[in-house]
Amino acid sequence: MAFKKESLQQSEVSKCLAYLGHLGLNYGAFDLVENSEGKVTFLECNTNGQYRWLEDILGLPISNAIADQLIKIYKR
């Protein structure tokens, strides 16, 4: 199994944001898979999902992004 940094299409981003909004969540760790034809399939959304290992493997600033959002929520 390989992991790589990719951007989602805007339609997929919109679906994820709608999912979070419907559930009243500010955060969710989405598990998605892409097949060899490029079709993306939603598996699940974890409200306490683990992501640190992806930060390390792929160099993603997930913790910083979450912290930035928490600061924005606090300042409202």
PDB file of N, CA and C in Angstrom:
ATOM      1  N   MET A   1       0.858  -1.171   0.000  1.00  0.00           N
ATOM      2  CA  MET A   1       0.000   0.000   0.000  1.00  0.00           C
ATOM      3  C   MET A   1       0.905   1.235   0.000  1.00  0.00           C
ATOM      4  N   ALA A   2       0.586   2.189  -0.840  1.00  0.00           N
ATOM      5  CA  ALA A   2       1.373   3.415  -0.936  1.00  0.00           C
ATOM      6  C   ALA A   2       0.539   4.619  -0.504  1.00  0.00           C
ATOM      7  N   PHE A   3       1.199   5.539   0.152  1.00  0.00           N
ATOM      8  CA  PHE A   3       0.551   6.785   0.546  1.00  0.00           C
ATOM      9  C   PHE A   3       1.263   7.920  -0.156  1.00  0.00           C
ATOM     10  N   LYS A   4       0.482   8.878  -0.658  1.00  0.00           N
ATOM     11  CA  LYS A   4       1.081  10.028  -1.321  1.00  0.00           C
ATOM     12  C   LYS A   4       0.219  11.256  -1.101  1.00  0.00           C
ATOM     13  N   LYS A   5       0.853  12.391  -1.144  1.00  0.00           N
ATOM     14  CA  LYS A   5       0.156  13.663  -0.984  1.00  0.00           C
ATOM     15  C   LYS A   5      -0.556  13.995  -2.295  1.00  0.00           C
ATOM     16  N   GLU A   6      -1.854  14.221  -2.202  1.00  0.00           N
ATOM     17  CA  GLU A   6      -2.679  14.554  -3.367  1.00  0.00           C
ATOM     18  C   GLU A   6      -3.686  15.623  -2.971  1.00  0.00           C
ATOM     19  N   SER A   7      -4.162  16.326  -3.945  1.00  0.00           N
ATOM     20  CA  SER A   7      -5.249  17.286  -3.722  1.00  0.00           C
ATOM     21  C   SER A   7      -6.546  16.652  -4.201  1.00  0.00           C
ATOM     22  N   LEU A   8      -7.604  16.899  -3.454  1.00  0.00           N
ATOM     23  CA  LEU A   8      -8.919  16.424  -3.877  1.00  0.00           C
ATOM     24  C   LEU A   8      -9.529  17.395  -4.871  1.00  0.00           C
ATOM     25  N   GLN A   9     -10.383  16.880  -5.724  1.00  0.00           N
ATOM     26  CA  GLN A   9     -11.144  17.749  -6.607  1.00  0.00           C
ATOM     27  C   GLN A   9     -12.108  18.560  -5.754  1.00  0.00           C
ATOM     28  N   GLN A  10     -12.460  19.740  -6.210  1.00  0.00           N
ATOM     29  CA  GLN A  10     -13.339  20.622  -5.442  1.00  0.00           C
ATOM     30  C   GLN A  10     -14.667  19.948  -5.097  1.00  0.00           C
ATOM     31  N   SER A  11     -15.183  19.118  -5.983  1.00  0.00           N
ATOM     32  CA  SER A  11     -16.447  18.420  -5.697  1.00  0.00           C
ATOM     33  C   SER A  11     -16.288  17.486  -4.496  1.00  0.00           C
ATOM     34  N   GLU A  12     -15.132  16.845  -4.351  1.00  0.00           N
ATOM     35  CA  GLU A  12     -14.891  15.957  -3.215  1.00  0.00           C
ATOM     36  C   GLU A  12     -14.676  16.762  -1.929  1.00  0.00           C
ATOM     37  N   VAL A  13     -13.991  17.899  -2.041  1.00  0.00           N
ATOM     38  CA  VAL A  13     -13.806  18.783  -0.884  1.00  0.00           C
ATOM     39  C   VAL A  13     -15.173  19.253  -0.392  1.00  0.00           C
ATOM     40  N   SER A  14     -16.029  19.649  -1.317  1.00  0.00           N
ATOM     41  CA  SER A  14     -17.373  20.117  -0.960  1.00  0.00           C
ATOM     42  C   SER A  14     -18.172  19.037  -0.248  1.00  0.00           C
ATOM     43  N   LYS A  15     -18.048  17.802  -0.700  1.00  0.00           N
ATOM     44  CA  LYS A  15     -18.760  16.688  -0.052  1.00  0.00           C
ATOM     45  C   LYS A  15     -18.248  16.475   1.376  1.00  0.00           C
ATOM     46  N   CYS A  16     -16.941  16.547   1.567  1.00  0.00           N
ATOM     47  CA  CYS A  16     -16.368  16.368   2.908  1.00  0.00           C
ATOM     48  C   CYS A  16     -16.821  17.491   3.835  1.00  0.00           C
ATOM     49  N   LEU A  17     -16.804  18.722   3.345  1.00  0.00           N
ATOM     50  CA  LEU A  17     -17.241  19.858   4.163  1.00  0.00           C
ATOM     51  C   LEU A  17     -18.731  19.772   4.478  1.00  0.00           C
ATOM     52  N   ALA A  18     -19.527  19.329   3.517  1.00  0.00           N
ATOM     53  CA  ALA A  18     -20.962  19.159   3.758  1.00  0.00           C
ATOM     54  C   ALA A  18     -21.198  18.080   4.812  1.00  0.00           C
ATOM     55  N   TYR A  19     -20.435  17.014   4.755  1.00  0.00           N
ATOM     56  CA  TYR A  19     -20.526  15.928   5.729  1.00  0.00           C
ATOM     57  C   TYR A  19     -20.245  16.463   7.131  1.00  0.00           C
ATOM     58  N   LEU A  20     -19.147  17.211   7.275  1.00  0.00           N
ATOM     59  CA  LEU A  20     -18.807  17.797   8.576  1.00  0.00           C
ATOM     60  C   LEU A  20     -19.897  18.757   9.041  1.00  0.00           C
ATOM     61  N   GLY A  21     -20.379  19.600   8.134  1.00  0.00           N
ATOM     62  CA  GLY A  21     -21.418  20.564   8.480  1.00  0.00           C
ATOM     63  C   GLY A  21     -22.705  19.890   8.922  1.00  0.00           C
ATOM     64  N   HIS A  22     -23.074  18.828   8.226  1.00  0.00           N
ATOM     65  CA  HIS A  22     -24.297  18.095   8.572  1.00  0.00           C
ATOM     66  C   HIS A  22     -24.222  17.524   9.990  1.00  0.00           C
ATOM     67  N   LEU A  23     -23.020  17.111  10.382  1.00  0.00           N
ATOM     68  CA  LEU A  23     -22.832  16.529  11.710  1.00  0.00           C
ATOM     69  C   LEU A  23     -22.427  17.570  12.759  1.00  0.00           C
ATOM     70  N   GLY A  24     -22.260  18.828  12.340  1.00  0.00           N
ATOM     71  CA  GLY A  24     -21.871  19.884  13.273  1.00  0.00           C
ATOM     72  C   GLY A  24     -20.443  19.734  13.774  1.00  0.00           C
ATOM     73  N   LEU A  25     -19.562  19.201  12.935  1.00  0.00           N
ATOM     74  CA  LEU A  25     -18.170  18.975  13.315  1.00  0.00           C
ATOM     75  C   LEU A  25     -17.249  20.015  12.701  1.00  0.00           C
ATOM     76  N   ASN A  26     -16.190  20.347  13.433  1.00  0.00           N
ATOM     77  CA  ASN A  26     -15.142  21.221  12.910  1.00  0.00           C
ATOM     78  C   ASN A  26     -13.959  20.430  12.372  1.00  0.00           C
ATOM     79  N   TYR A  27     -13.889  19.158  12.716  1.00  0.00           N
ATOM     80  CA  TYR A  27     -12.758  18.318  12.313  1.00  0.00           C
ATOM     81  C   TYR A  27     -13.234  16.900  12.034  1.00  0.00           C
ATOM     82  N   GLY A  28     -12.623  16.308  11.063  1.00  0.00           N
ATOM     83  CA  GLY A  28     -12.842  14.901  10.779  1.00  0.00           C
ATOM     84  C   GLY A  28     -11.677  14.386   9.948  1.00  0.00           C
ATOM     85  N   ALA A  29     -11.178  13.213  10.289  1.00  0.00           N
ATOM     86  CA  ALA A  29     -10.105  12.579   9.519  1.00  0.00           C
ATOM     87  C   ALA A  29     -10.777  11.617   8.532  1.00  0.00           C
ATOM     88  N   PHE A  30     -10.774  11.992   7.278  1.00  0.00           N
ATOM     89  CA  PHE A  30     -11.437  11.204   6.245  1.00  0.00           C
ATOM     90  C   PHE A  30     -10.499  10.137   5.704  1.00  0.00           C
ATOM     91  N   ASP A  31     -11.001   8.934   5.608  1.00  0.00           N
ATOM     92  CA  ASP A  31     -10.269   7.849   4.968  1.00  0.00           C
ATOM     93  C   ASP A  31     -10.859   7.671   3.581  1.00  0.00           C
ATOM     94  N   LEU A  32     -10.021   7.873   2.586  1.00  0.00           N
ATOM     95  CA  LEU A  32     -10.402   7.762   1.182  1.00  0.00           C
ATOM     96  C   LEU A  32      -9.400   6.861   0.482  1.00  0.00           C
ATOM     97  N   VAL A  33      -9.852   6.149  -0.514  1.00  0.00           N
ATOM     98  CA  VAL A  33      -8.941   5.357  -1.349  1.00  0.00           C
ATOM     99  C   VAL A  33      -9.191   5.715  -2.809  1.00  0.00           C
ATOM    100  N   GLU A  34      -8.144   5.571  -3.605  1.00  0.00           N
ATOM    101  CA  GLU A  34      -8.239   5.834  -5.036  1.00  0.00           C
ATOM    102  C   GLU A  34      -7.840   4.561  -5.775  1.00  0.00           C
ATOM    103  N   ASN A  35      -8.687   4.138  -6.711  1.00  0.00           N
ATOM    104  CA  ASN A  35      -8.355   2.932  -7.465  1.00  0.00           C
ATOM    105  C   ASN A  35      -7.443   3.272  -8.639  1.00  0.00           C
ATOM    106  N   SER A  36      -7.053   2.274  -9.390  1.00  0.00           N
ATOM    107  CA  SER A  36      -6.110   2.475 -10.496  1.00  0.00           C
ATOM    108  C   SER A  36      -6.674   3.340 -11.617  1.00  0.00           C
ATOM    109  N   GLU A  37      -8.003   3.473 -11.666  1.00  0.00           N
ATOM    110  CA  GLU A  37      -8.623   4.337 -12.669  1.00  0.00           C
ATOM    111  C   GLU A  37      -8.809   5.768 -12.168  1.00  0.00           C
ATOM    112  N   GLY A  38      -8.412   6.035 -10.933  1.00  0.00           N
ATOM    113  CA  GLY A  38      -8.528   7.378 -10.382  1.00  0.00           C
ATOM    114  C   GLY A  38      -9.819   7.669  -9.650  1.00  0.00           C
ATOM    115  N   LYS A  39     -10.665   6.664  -9.480  1.00  0.00           N
ATOM    116  CA  LYS A  39     -11.930   6.865  -8.756  1.00  0.00           C
ATOM    117  C   LYS A  39     -11.656   6.888  -7.257  1.00  0.00           C
ATOM    118  N   VAL A  40     -12.120   7.953  -6.592  1.00  0.00           N
ATOM    119  CA  VAL A  40     -11.945   8.104  -5.154  1.00  0.00           C
ATOM    120  C   VAL A  40     -13.192   7.588  -4.450  1.00  0.00           C
ATOM    121  N   THR A  41     -12.979   6.753  -3.417  1.00  0.00           N
ATOM    122  CA  THR A  41     -14.071   6.180  -2.648  1.00  0.00           C
ATOM    123  C   THR A  41     -13.923   6.563  -1.185  1.00  0.00           C
ATOM    124  N   PHE A  42     -15.006   7.044  -0.600  1.00  0.00           N
ATOM    125  CA  PHE A  42     -15.067   7.388   0.818  1.00  0.00           C
ATOM    126  C   PHE A  42     -15.183   6.105   1.625  1.00  0.00           C
ATOM    127  N   LEU A  43     -14.343   5.961   2.656  1.00  0.00           N
ATOM    128  CA  LEU A  43     -14.428   4.797   3.538  1.00  0.00           C
ATOM    129  C   LEU A  43     -15.083   5.164   4.861  1.00  0.00           C
ATOM    130  N   GLU A  44     -14.562   6.200   5.509  1.00  0.00           N
ATOM    131  CA  GLU A  44     -15.109   6.619   6.794  1.00  0.00           C
ATOM    132  C   GLU A  44     -14.545   7.978   7.182  1.00  0.00           C
ATOM    133  N   CYS A  45     -15.154   8.559   8.208  1.00  0.00           N
ATOM    134  CA  CYS A  45     -14.672   9.807   8.777  1.00  0.00           C
ATOM    135  C   CYS A  45     -14.545   9.592  10.286  1.00  0.00           C
ATOM    136  N   ASN A  46     -13.345   9.789  10.795  1.00  0.00           N
ATOM    137  CA  ASN A  46     -13.082   9.614  12.224  1.00  0.00           C
ATOM    138  C   ASN A  46     -12.991  10.979  12.893  1.00  0.00           C
ATOM    139  N   THR A  47     -13.780  11.179  13.932  1.00  0.00           N
ATOM    140  CA  THR A  47     -13.743  12.468  14.634  1.00  0.00           C
ATOM    141  C   THR A  47     -12.533  12.587  15.548  1.00  0.00           C
ATOM    142  N   ASN A  48     -11.864  11.488  15.809  1.00  0.00           N
ATOM    143  CA  ASN A  48     -10.620  11.489  16.583  1.00  0.00           C
ATOM    144  C   ASN A  48      -9.537  10.746  15.816  1.00  0.00           C
ATOM    145  N   GLY A  49      -9.522  10.932  14.519  1.00  0.00           N
ATOM    146  CA  GLY A  49      -8.615  10.183  13.661  1.00  0.00           C
ATOM    147  C   GLY A  49      -7.147  10.443  13.945  1.00  0.00           C
ATOM    148  N   GLN A  50      -6.363   9.416  13.751  1.00  0.00           N
ATOM    149  CA  GLN A  50      -4.910   9.508  13.916  1.00  0.00           C
ATOM    150  C   GLN A  50      -4.298   9.991  12.604  1.00  0.00           C
ATOM    151  N   TYR A  51      -3.417  10.948  12.690  1.00  0.00           N
ATOM    152  CA  TYR A  51      -2.817  11.514  11.482  1.00  0.00           C
ATOM    153  C   TYR A  51      -1.331  11.798  11.621  1.00  0.00           C
ATOM    154  N   ARG A  52      -0.775  11.705  12.827  1.00  0.00           N
ATOM    155  CA  ARG A  52       0.624  12.073  13.046  1.00  0.00           C
ATOM    156  C   ARG A  52       1.566  11.293  12.130  1.00  0.00           C
ATOM    157  N   TRP A  53       1.263  10.022  11.911  1.00  0.00           N
ATOM    158  CA  TRP A  53       2.118   9.206  11.056  1.00  0.00           C
ATOM    159  C   TRP A  53       2.142   9.723   9.624  1.00  0.00           C
ATOM    160  N   LEU A  54       1.016  10.301   9.163  1.00  0.00           N
ATOM    161  CA  LEU A  54       0.987  10.887   7.817  1.00  0.00           C
ATOM    162  C   LEU A  54       1.793  12.181   7.767  1.00  0.00           C
ATOM    163  N   GLU A  55       1.758  12.944   8.858  1.00  0.00           N
ATOM    164  CA  GLU A  55       2.601  14.143   8.919  1.00  0.00           C
ATOM    165  C   GLU A  55       4.066  13.756   8.735  1.00  0.00           C
ATOM    166  N   ASP A  56       4.475  12.711   9.421  1.00  0.00           N
ATOM    167  CA  ASP A  56       5.867  12.272   9.354  1.00  0.00           C
ATOM    168  C   ASP A  56       6.232  11.723   7.974  1.00  0.00           C
ATOM    169  N   ILE A  57       5.399  10.850   7.433  1.00  0.00           N
ATOM    170  CA  ILE A  57       5.705  10.216   6.140  1.00  0.00           C
ATOM    171  C   ILE A  57       5.645  11.207   4.986  1.00  0.00           C
ATOM    172  N   LEU A  58       4.604  12.059   4.972  1.00  0.00           N
ATOM    173  CA  LEU A  58       4.353  12.931   3.826  1.00  0.00           C
ATOM    174  C   LEU A  58       4.721  14.393   4.049  1.00  0.00           C
ATOM    175  N   GLY A  59       5.129  14.736   5.266  1.00  0.00           N
ATOM    176  CA  GLY A  59       5.497  16.125   5.543  1.00  0.00           C
ATOM    177  C   GLY A  59       4.310  17.074   5.525  1.00  0.00           C
ATOM    178  N   LEU A  60       3.153  16.589   5.957  1.00  0.00           N
ATOM    179  CA  LEU A  60       1.942  17.412   5.957  1.00  0.00           C
ATOM    180  C   LEU A  60       1.814  18.175   7.278  1.00  0.00           C
ATOM    181  N   PRO A  61       1.447  19.457   7.236  1.00  0.00           N
ATOM    182  CA  PRO A  61       1.321  20.264   8.457  1.00  0.00           C
ATOM    183  C   PRO A  61      -0.079  20.174   9.091  1.00  0.00           C
ATOM    184  N   ILE A  62      -0.559  18.974   9.328  1.00  0.00           N
ATOM    185  CA  ILE A  62      -1.916  18.773   9.820  1.00  0.00           C
ATOM    186  C   ILE A  62      -2.097  19.370  11.212  1.00  0.00           C
ATOM    187  N   SER A  63      -1.160  19.108  12.121  1.00  0.00           N
ATOM    188  CA  SER A  63      -1.263  19.636  13.494  1.00  0.00           C
ATOM    189  C   SER A  63      -1.324  21.154  13.495  1.00  0.00           C
ATOM    190  N   ASN A  64      -0.499  21.782  12.677  1.00  0.00           N
ATOM    191  CA  ASN A  64      -0.513  23.250  12.591  1.00  0.00           C
ATOM    192  C   ASN A  64      -1.839  23.764  12.042  1.00  0.00           C
ATOM    193  N   ALA A  65      -2.398  23.085  11.057  1.00  0.00           N
ATOM    194  CA  ALA A  65      -3.678  23.501  10.485  1.00  0.00           C
ATOM    195  C   ALA A  65      -4.801  23.389  11.512  1.00  0.00           C
ATOM    196  N   ILE A  66      -4.789  22.315  12.303  1.00  0.00           N
ATOM    197  CA  ILE A  66      -5.806  22.149  13.342  1.00  0.00           C
ATOM    198  C   ILE A  66      -5.644  23.220  14.413  1.00  0.00           C
ATOM    199  N   ALA A  67      -4.408  23.479  14.810  1.00  0.00           N
ATOM    200  CA  ALA A  67      -4.152  24.524  15.811  1.00  0.00           C
ATOM    201  C   ALA A  67      -4.626  25.884  15.308  1.00  0.00           C
ATOM    202  N   ASP A  68      -4.365  26.194  14.051  1.00  0.00           N
ATOM    203  CA  ASP A  68      -4.827  27.464  13.471  1.00  0.00           C
ATOM    204  C   ASP A  68      -6.346  27.575  13.530  1.00  0.00           C
ATOM    205  N   GLN A  69      -7.044  26.491  13.219  1.00  0.00           N
ATOM    206  CA  GLN A  69      -8.509  26.503  13.273  1.00  0.00           C
ATOM    207  C   GLN A  69      -9.012  26.689  14.700  1.00  0.00           C
ATOM    208  N   LEU A  70      -8.380  26.026  15.658  1.00  0.00           N
ATOM    209  CA  LEU A  70      -8.778  26.175  17.053  1.00  0.00           C
ATOM    210  C   LEU A  70      -8.594  27.617  17.532  1.00  0.00           C
ATOM    211  N   ILE A  71      -7.536  28.250  17.099  1.00  0.00           N
ATOM    212  CA  ILE A  71      -7.306  29.656  17.453  1.00  0.00           C
ATOM    213  C   ILE A  71      -8.403  30.534  16.858  1.00  0.00           C
ATOM    214  N   LYS A  72      -8.764  30.292  15.601  1.00  0.00           N
ATOM    215  CA  LYS A  72      -9.833  31.059  14.962  1.00  0.00           C
ATOM    216  C   LYS A  72     -11.150  30.886  15.708  1.00  0.00           C
ATOM    217  N   ILE A  73     -11.455  29.650  16.105  1.00  0.00           N
ATOM    218  CA  ILE A  73     -12.708  29.384  16.852  1.00  0.00           C
ATOM    219  C   ILE A  73     -12.675  30.117  18.178  1.00  0.00           C
ATOM    220  N   TYR A  74     -11.555  30.081  18.864  1.00  0.00           N
ATOM    221  CA  TYR A  74     -11.415  30.737  20.176  1.00  0.00           C
ATOM    222  C   TYR A  74     -11.606  32.244  20.064  1.00  0.00           C
ATOM    223  N   LYS A  75     -11.099  32.836  18.983  1.00  0.00           N
ATOM    224  CA  LYS A  75     -11.157  34.298  18.809  1.00  0.00           C
ATOM    225  C   LYS A  75     -12.521  34.798  18.367  1.00  0.00           C
ATOM    226  N   ARG A  76     -13.436  33.927  18.022  1.00  0.00           N
ATOM    227  CA  ARG A  76     -14.768  34.356  17.573  1.00  0.00           C
ATOM    228  C   ARG A  76     -15.539  35.015  18.676  1.00  0.00           C
TER     229      ARG A  76
END
